[in-house]
Amino acid sequence: MPWDKDNYPDSMKNFMAPVRNKAIEIANALLDDGYEEGRAIAIATAQAKEWGENHDKQIRKKGH
């Protein structure tokens, strides 16, 4: 099931919007490539976090 900015895995809920949107984009691409949902989410969250760090983005919402 592809995700969007309104419907995404719980593991992405504490990400700031730019990082979450990148994670959603990556996860959807992985799904298209045949990855299982759980694996796609794990890879996408790790890669989105790294992307955020490389682009000086705040990764998580305050307090998380």
PDB file of N, CA and C in Angstrom:
ATOM      1  N   MET A   1       0.848  -1.181   0.000  1.00  0.00           N
ATOM      2  CA  MET A   1       0.000   0.000   0.000  1.00  0.00           C
ATOM      3  C   MET A   1       0.890   1.240   0.000  1.00  0.00           C
ATOM      4  N   PRO A   2       0.776   2.070  -1.014  1.00  0.00           N
ATOM      5  CA  PRO A   2       1.594   3.290  -1.019  1.00  0.00           C
ATOM      6  C   PRO A   2       1.134   4.272   0.066  1.00  0.00           C
ATOM      7  N   TRP A   3       2.089   5.015   0.578  1.00  0.00           N
ATOM      8  CA  TRP A   3       1.798   5.983   1.629  1.00  0.00           C
ATOM      9  C   TRP A   3       1.811   7.394   1.063  1.00  0.00           C
ATOM     10  N   ASP A   4       1.218   8.324   1.817  1.00  0.00           N
ATOM     11  CA  ASP A   4       1.237   9.730   1.429  1.00  0.00           C
ATOM     12  C   ASP A   4       1.353  10.576   2.690  1.00  0.00           C
ATOM     13  N   LYS A   5       1.289  11.905   2.551  1.00  0.00           N
ATOM     14  CA  LYS A   5       1.523  12.795   3.691  1.00  0.00           C
ATOM     15  C   LYS A   5       0.452  12.676   4.770  1.00  0.00           C
ATOM     16  N   ASP A   6      -0.686  12.101   4.444  1.00  0.00           N
ATOM     17  CA  ASP A   6      -1.757  11.931   5.423  1.00  0.00           C
ATOM     18  C   ASP A   6      -1.860  10.511   5.961  1.00  0.00           C
ATOM     19  N   ASN A   7      -1.245   9.575   5.274  1.00  0.00           N
ATOM     20  CA  ASN A   7      -1.343   8.159   5.639  1.00  0.00           C
ATOM     21  C   ASN A   7       0.045   7.538   5.518  1.00  0.00           C
ATOM     22  N   TYR A   8       0.688   7.342   6.671  1.00  0.00           N
ATOM     23  CA  TYR A   8       2.056   6.828   6.678  1.00  0.00           C
ATOM     24  C   TYR A   8       2.247   5.968   7.918  1.00  0.00           C
ATOM     25  N   PRO A   9       3.305   5.170   7.940  1.00  0.00           N
ATOM     26  CA  PRO A   9       3.553   4.276   9.084  1.00  0.00           C
ATOM     27  C   PRO A   9       3.785   5.051  10.388  1.00  0.00           C
ATOM     28  N   ASP A  10       3.372   4.467  11.493  1.00  0.00           N
ATOM     29  CA  ASP A  10       3.554   5.086  12.813  1.00  0.00           C
ATOM     30  C   ASP A  10       5.009   5.424  13.103  1.00  0.00           C
ATOM     31  N   SER A  11       5.925   4.639  12.581  1.00  0.00           N
ATOM     32  CA  SER A  11       7.347   4.874  12.859  1.00  0.00           C
ATOM     33  C   SER A  11       7.842   6.193  12.272  1.00  0.00           C
ATOM     34  N   MET A  12       7.048   6.811  11.425  1.00  0.00           N
ATOM     35  CA  MET A  12       7.428   8.089  10.812  1.00  0.00           C
ATOM     36  C   MET A  12       6.730   9.285  11.453  1.00  0.00           C
ATOM     37  N   LYS A  13       5.864   9.048  12.433  1.00  0.00           N
ATOM     38  CA  LYS A  13       5.023  10.125  12.957  1.00  0.00           C
ATOM     39  C   LYS A  13       5.789  11.215  13.695  1.00  0.00           C
ATOM     40  N   ASN A  14       6.946  10.919  14.263  1.00  0.00           N
ATOM     41  CA  ASN A  14       7.695  11.932  15.008  1.00  0.00           C
ATOM     42  C   ASN A  14       8.729  12.666  14.162  1.00  0.00           C
ATOM     43  N   PHE A  15       8.835  12.303  12.895  1.00  0.00           N
ATOM     44  CA  PHE A  15       9.735  13.020  11.998  1.00  0.00           C
ATOM     45  C   PHE A  15       9.133  14.379  11.647  1.00  0.00           C
ATOM     46  N   MET A  16      10.000  15.352  11.445  1.00  0.00           N
ATOM     47  CA  MET A  16       9.550  16.628  10.907  1.00  0.00           C
ATOM     48  C   MET A  16       9.065  16.373   9.471  1.00  0.00           C
ATOM     49  N   ALA A  17       8.162  17.224   8.977  1.00  0.00           N
ATOM     50  CA  ALA A  17       7.531  16.991   7.675  1.00  0.00           C
ATOM     51  C   ALA A  17       8.514  16.747   6.528  1.00  0.00           C
ATOM     52  N   PRO A  18       9.573  17.553   6.360  1.00  0.00           N
ATOM     53  CA  PRO A  18      10.470  17.290   5.222  1.00  0.00           C
ATOM     54  C   PRO A  18      11.126  15.903   5.286  1.00  0.00           C
ATOM     55  N   VAL A  19      11.511  15.491   6.483  1.00  0.00           N
ATOM     56  CA  VAL A  19      12.154  14.184   6.644  1.00  0.00           C
ATOM     57  C   VAL A  19      11.125  13.075   6.462  1.00  0.00           C
ATOM     58  N   ARG A  20       9.936  13.264   7.015  1.00  0.00           N
ATOM     59  CA  ARG A  20       8.863  12.274   6.850  1.00  0.00           C
ATOM     60  C   ARG A  20       8.496  12.126   5.377  1.00  0.00           C
ATOM     61  N   ASN A  21       8.391  13.248   4.666  1.00  0.00           N
ATOM     62  CA  ASN A  21       8.044  13.181   3.245  1.00  0.00           C
ATOM     63  C   ASN A  21       9.106  12.440   2.450  1.00  0.00           C
ATOM     64  N   LYS A  22      10.376  12.638   2.810  1.00  0.00           N
ATOM     65  CA  LYS A  22      11.465  11.913   2.147  1.00  0.00           C
ATOM     66  C   LYS A  22      11.354  10.422   2.464  1.00  0.00           C
ATOM     67  N   ALA A  23      11.043  10.087   3.715  1.00  0.00           N
ATOM     68  CA  ALA A  23      10.879   8.680   4.095  1.00  0.00           C
ATOM     69  C   ALA A  23       9.735   8.036   3.323  1.00  0.00           C
ATOM     70  N   ILE A  24       8.639   8.753   3.170  1.00  0.00           N
ATOM     71  CA  ILE A  24       7.490   8.243   2.414  1.00  0.00           C
ATOM     72  C   ILE A  24       7.886   8.004   0.960  1.00  0.00           C
ATOM     73  N   GLU A  25       8.598   8.969   0.387  1.00  0.00           N
ATOM     74  CA  GLU A  25       9.056   8.851  -1.006  1.00  0.00           C
ATOM     75  C   GLU A  25       9.950   7.624  -1.180  1.00  0.00           C
ATOM     76  N   ILE A  26      10.890   7.442  -0.274  1.00  0.00           N
ATOM     77  CA  ILE A  26      11.811   6.310  -0.349  1.00  0.00           C
ATOM     78  C   ILE A  26      11.057   4.995  -0.145  1.00  0.00           C
ATOM     79  N   ALA A  27      10.186   4.945   0.853  1.00  0.00           N
ATOM     80  CA  ALA A  27       9.431   3.712   1.139  1.00  0.00           C
ATOM     81  C   ALA A  27       8.570   3.311  -0.052  1.00  0.00           C
ATOM     82  N   ASN A  28       7.909   4.277  -0.675  1.00  0.00           N
ATOM     83  CA  ASN A  28       7.071   3.959  -1.833  1.00  0.00           C
ATOM     84  C   ASN A  28       7.915   3.431  -2.995  1.00  0.00           C
ATOM     85  N   ALA A  29       9.095   4.007  -3.192  1.00  0.00           N
ATOM     86  CA  ALA A  29       9.988   3.521  -4.252  1.00  0.00           C
ATOM     87  C   ALA A  29      10.431   2.088  -3.966  1.00  0.00           C
ATOM     88  N   LEU A  30      10.731   1.805  -2.703  1.00  0.00           N
ATOM     89  CA  LEU A  30      11.134   0.444  -2.335  1.00  0.00           C
ATOM     90  C   LEU A  30       9.995  -0.548  -2.540  1.00  0.00           C
ATOM     91  N   LEU A  31       8.774  -0.132  -2.201  1.00  0.00           N
ATOM     92  CA  LEU A  31       7.613  -0.998  -2.446  1.00  0.00           C
ATOM     93  C   LEU A  31       7.483  -1.294  -3.939  1.00  0.00           C
ATOM     94  N   ASP A  32       7.665  -0.264  -4.757  1.00  0.00           N
ATOM     95  CA  ASP A  32       7.590  -0.448  -6.213  1.00  0.00           C
ATOM     96  C   ASP A  32       8.651  -1.427  -6.706  1.00  0.00           C
ATOM     97  N   ASP A  33       9.786  -1.472  -5.991  1.00  0.00           N
ATOM     98  CA  ASP A  33      10.866  -2.378  -6.358  1.00  0.00           C
ATOM     99  C   ASP A  33      10.675  -3.784  -5.796  1.00  0.00           C
ATOM    100  N   GLY A  34       9.570  -3.999  -5.075  1.00  0.00           N
ATOM    101  CA  GLY A  34       9.256  -5.336  -4.604  1.00  0.00           C
ATOM    102  C   GLY A  34       9.632  -5.645  -3.161  1.00  0.00           C
ATOM    103  N   TYR A  35      10.086  -4.636  -2.419  1.00  0.00           N
ATOM    104  CA  TYR A  35      10.421  -4.871  -1.016  1.00  0.00           C
ATOM    105  C   TYR A  35       9.150  -5.086  -0.198  1.00  0.00           C
ATOM    106  N   GLU A  36       9.251  -5.882   0.862  1.00  0.00           N
ATOM    107  CA  GLU A  36       8.139  -6.063   1.789  1.00  0.00           C
ATOM    108  C   GLU A  36       7.969  -4.776   2.593  1.00  0.00           C
ATOM    109  N   GLU A  37       6.748  -4.515   3.064  1.00  0.00           N
ATOM    110  CA  GLU A  37       6.455  -3.274   3.781  1.00  0.00           C
ATOM    111  C   GLU A  37       7.399  -3.012   4.945  1.00  0.00           C
ATOM    112  N   GLY A  38       7.588  -3.997   5.814  1.00  0.00           N
ATOM    113  CA  GLY A  38       8.424  -3.807   6.993  1.00  0.00           C
ATOM    114  C   GLY A  38       9.848  -3.432   6.635  1.00  0.00           C
ATOM    115  N   ARG A  39      10.391  -4.098   5.639  1.00  0.00           N
ATOM    116  CA  ARG A  39      11.767  -3.812   5.207  1.00  0.00           C
ATOM    117  C   ARG A  39      11.839  -2.429   4.557  1.00  0.00           C
ATOM    118  N   ALA A  40      10.831  -2.092   3.747  1.00  0.00           N
ATOM    119  CA  ALA A  40      10.803  -0.782   3.089  1.00  0.00           C
ATOM    120  C   ALA A  40      10.753   0.338   4.124  1.00  0.00           C
ATOM    121  N   ILE A  41       9.961   0.165   5.177  1.00  0.00           N
ATOM    122  CA  ILE A  41       9.848   1.183   6.224  1.00  0.00           C
ATOM    123  C   ILE A  41      11.182   1.350   6.945  1.00  0.00           C
ATOM    124  N   ALA A  42      11.818   0.242   7.301  1.00  0.00           N
ATOM    125  CA  ALA A  42      13.092   0.302   8.027  1.00  0.00           C
ATOM    126  C   ALA A  42      14.170   1.002   7.202  1.00  0.00           C
ATOM    127  N   ILE A  43      14.272   0.643   5.944  1.00  0.00           N
ATOM    128  CA  ILE A  43      15.280   1.262   5.080  1.00  0.00           C
ATOM    129  C   ILE A  43      14.964   2.735   4.874  1.00  0.00           C
ATOM    130  N   ALA A  44      13.700   3.040   4.610  1.00  0.00           N
ATOM    131  CA  ALA A  44      13.302   4.421   4.320  1.00  0.00           C
ATOM    132  C   ALA A  44      13.515   5.344   5.516  1.00  0.00           C
ATOM    133  N   THR A  45      13.204   4.874   6.714  1.00  0.00           N
ATOM    134  CA  THR A  45      13.394   5.738   7.880  1.00  0.00           C
ATOM    135  C   THR A  45      14.879   5.998   8.108  1.00  0.00           C
ATOM    136  N   ALA A  46      15.714   5.000   7.932  1.00  0.00           N
ATOM    137  CA  ALA A  46      17.156   5.185   8.104  1.00  0.00           C
ATOM    138  C   ALA A  46      17.718   6.133   7.045  1.00  0.00           C
ATOM    139  N   GLN A  47      17.315   5.953   5.810  1.00  0.00           N
ATOM    140  CA  GLN A  47      17.827   6.796   4.733  1.00  0.00           C
ATOM    141  C   GLN A  47      17.305   8.226   4.847  1.00  0.00           C
ATOM    142  N   ALA A  48      16.059   8.397   5.264  1.00  0.00           N
ATOM    143  CA  ALA A  48      15.498   9.741   5.419  1.00  0.00           C
ATOM    144  C   ALA A  48      16.190  10.484   6.560  1.00  0.00           C
ATOM    145  N   LYS A  49      16.504   9.768   7.623  1.00  0.00           N
ATOM    146  CA  LYS A  49      17.236  10.384   8.734  1.00  0.00           C
ATOM    147  C   LYS A  49      18.606  10.853   8.251  1.00  0.00           C
ATOM    148  N   GLU A  50      19.285  10.002   7.518  1.00  0.00           N
ATOM    149  CA  GLU A  50      20.593  10.369   6.970  1.00  0.00           C
ATOM    150  C   GLU A  50      20.464  11.556   6.014  1.00  0.00           C
ATOM    151  N   TRP A  51      19.442  11.552   5.168  1.00  0.00           N
ATOM    152  CA  TRP A  51      19.197  12.662   4.244  1.00  0.00           C
ATOM    153  C   TRP A  51      19.010  13.959   5.027  1.00  0.00           C
ATOM    154  N   GLY A  52      18.195  13.906   6.092  1.00  0.00           N
ATOM    155  CA  GLY A  52      17.955  15.089   6.906  1.00  0.00           C
ATOM    156  C   GLY A  52      19.228  15.626   7.538  1.00  0.00           C
ATOM    157  N   GLU A  53      20.045  14.723   8.042  1.00  0.00           N
ATOM    158  CA  GLU A  53      21.314  15.132   8.652  1.00  0.00           C
ATOM    159  C   GLU A  53      22.228  15.778   7.614  1.00  0.00           C
ATOM    160  N   ASN A  54      22.247  15.244   6.415  1.00  0.00           N
ATOM    161  CA  ASN A  54      23.104  15.780   5.351  1.00  0.00           C
ATOM    162  C   ASN A  54      22.601  17.109   4.801  1.00  0.00           C
ATOM    163  N   HIS A  55      21.331  17.419   5.047  1.00  0.00           N
ATOM    164  CA  HIS A  55      20.745  18.671   4.556  1.00  0.00           C
ATOM    165  C   HIS A  55      20.423  19.635   5.703  1.00  0.00           C
ATOM    166  N   ASP A  56      21.040  19.413   6.858  1.00  0.00           N
ATOM    167  CA  ASP A  56      20.846  20.277   8.033  1.00  0.00           C
ATOM    168  C   ASP A  56      19.376  20.484   8.380  1.00  0.00           C
ATOM    169  N   LYS A  57      18.613  19.422   8.301  1.00  0.00           N
ATOM    170  CA  LYS A  57      17.191  19.463   8.661  1.00  0.00           C
ATOM    171  C   LYS A  57      17.029  18.968  10.095  1.00  0.00           C
ATOM    172  N   GLN A  58      16.048  19.538  10.794  1.00  0.00           N
ATOM    173  CA  GLN A  58      15.670  18.973  12.079  1.00  0.00           C
ATOM    174  C   GLN A  58      14.995  17.642  11.786  1.00  0.00           C
ATOM    175  N   ILE A  59      15.433  16.587  12.442  1.00  0.00           N
ATOM    176  CA  ILE A  59      14.941  15.242  12.135  1.00  0.00           C
ATOM    177  C   ILE A  59      13.605  14.950  12.806  1.00  0.00           C
ATOM    178  N   ARG A  60      13.561  15.164  14.112  1.00  0.00           N
ATOM    179  CA  ARG A  60      12.363  14.796  14.890  1.00  0.00           C
ATOM    180  C   ARG A  60      11.705  16.031  15.500  1.00  0.00           C
ATOM    181  N   LYS A  61      10.427  15.874  15.767  1.00  0.00           N
ATOM    182  CA  LYS A  61       9.695  16.934  16.457  1.00  0.00           C
ATOM    183  C   LYS A  61      10.287  17.142  17.838  1.00  0.00           C
ATOM    184  N   LYS A  62      10.185  18.322  18.383  1.00  0.00           N
ATOM    185  CA  LYS A  62      10.716  18.633  19.707  1.00  0.00           C
ATOM    186  C   LYS A  62      10.147  17.660  20.732  1.00  0.00           C
ATOM    187  N   GLY A  63      11.016  17.189  21.622  1.00  0.00           N
ATOM    188  CA  GLY A  63      10.581  16.290  22.680  1.00  0.00           C
ATOM    189  C   GLY A  63      10.569  14.827  22.289  1.00  0.00           C
ATOM    190  N   HIS A  64      11.021  14.509  21.060  1.00  0.00           N
ATOM    191  CA  HIS A  64      11.026  13.100  20.620  1.00  0.00           C
ATOM    192  C   HIS A  64      12.398  12.687  20.212  1.00  0.00           C
TER     193      HIS A  64
END
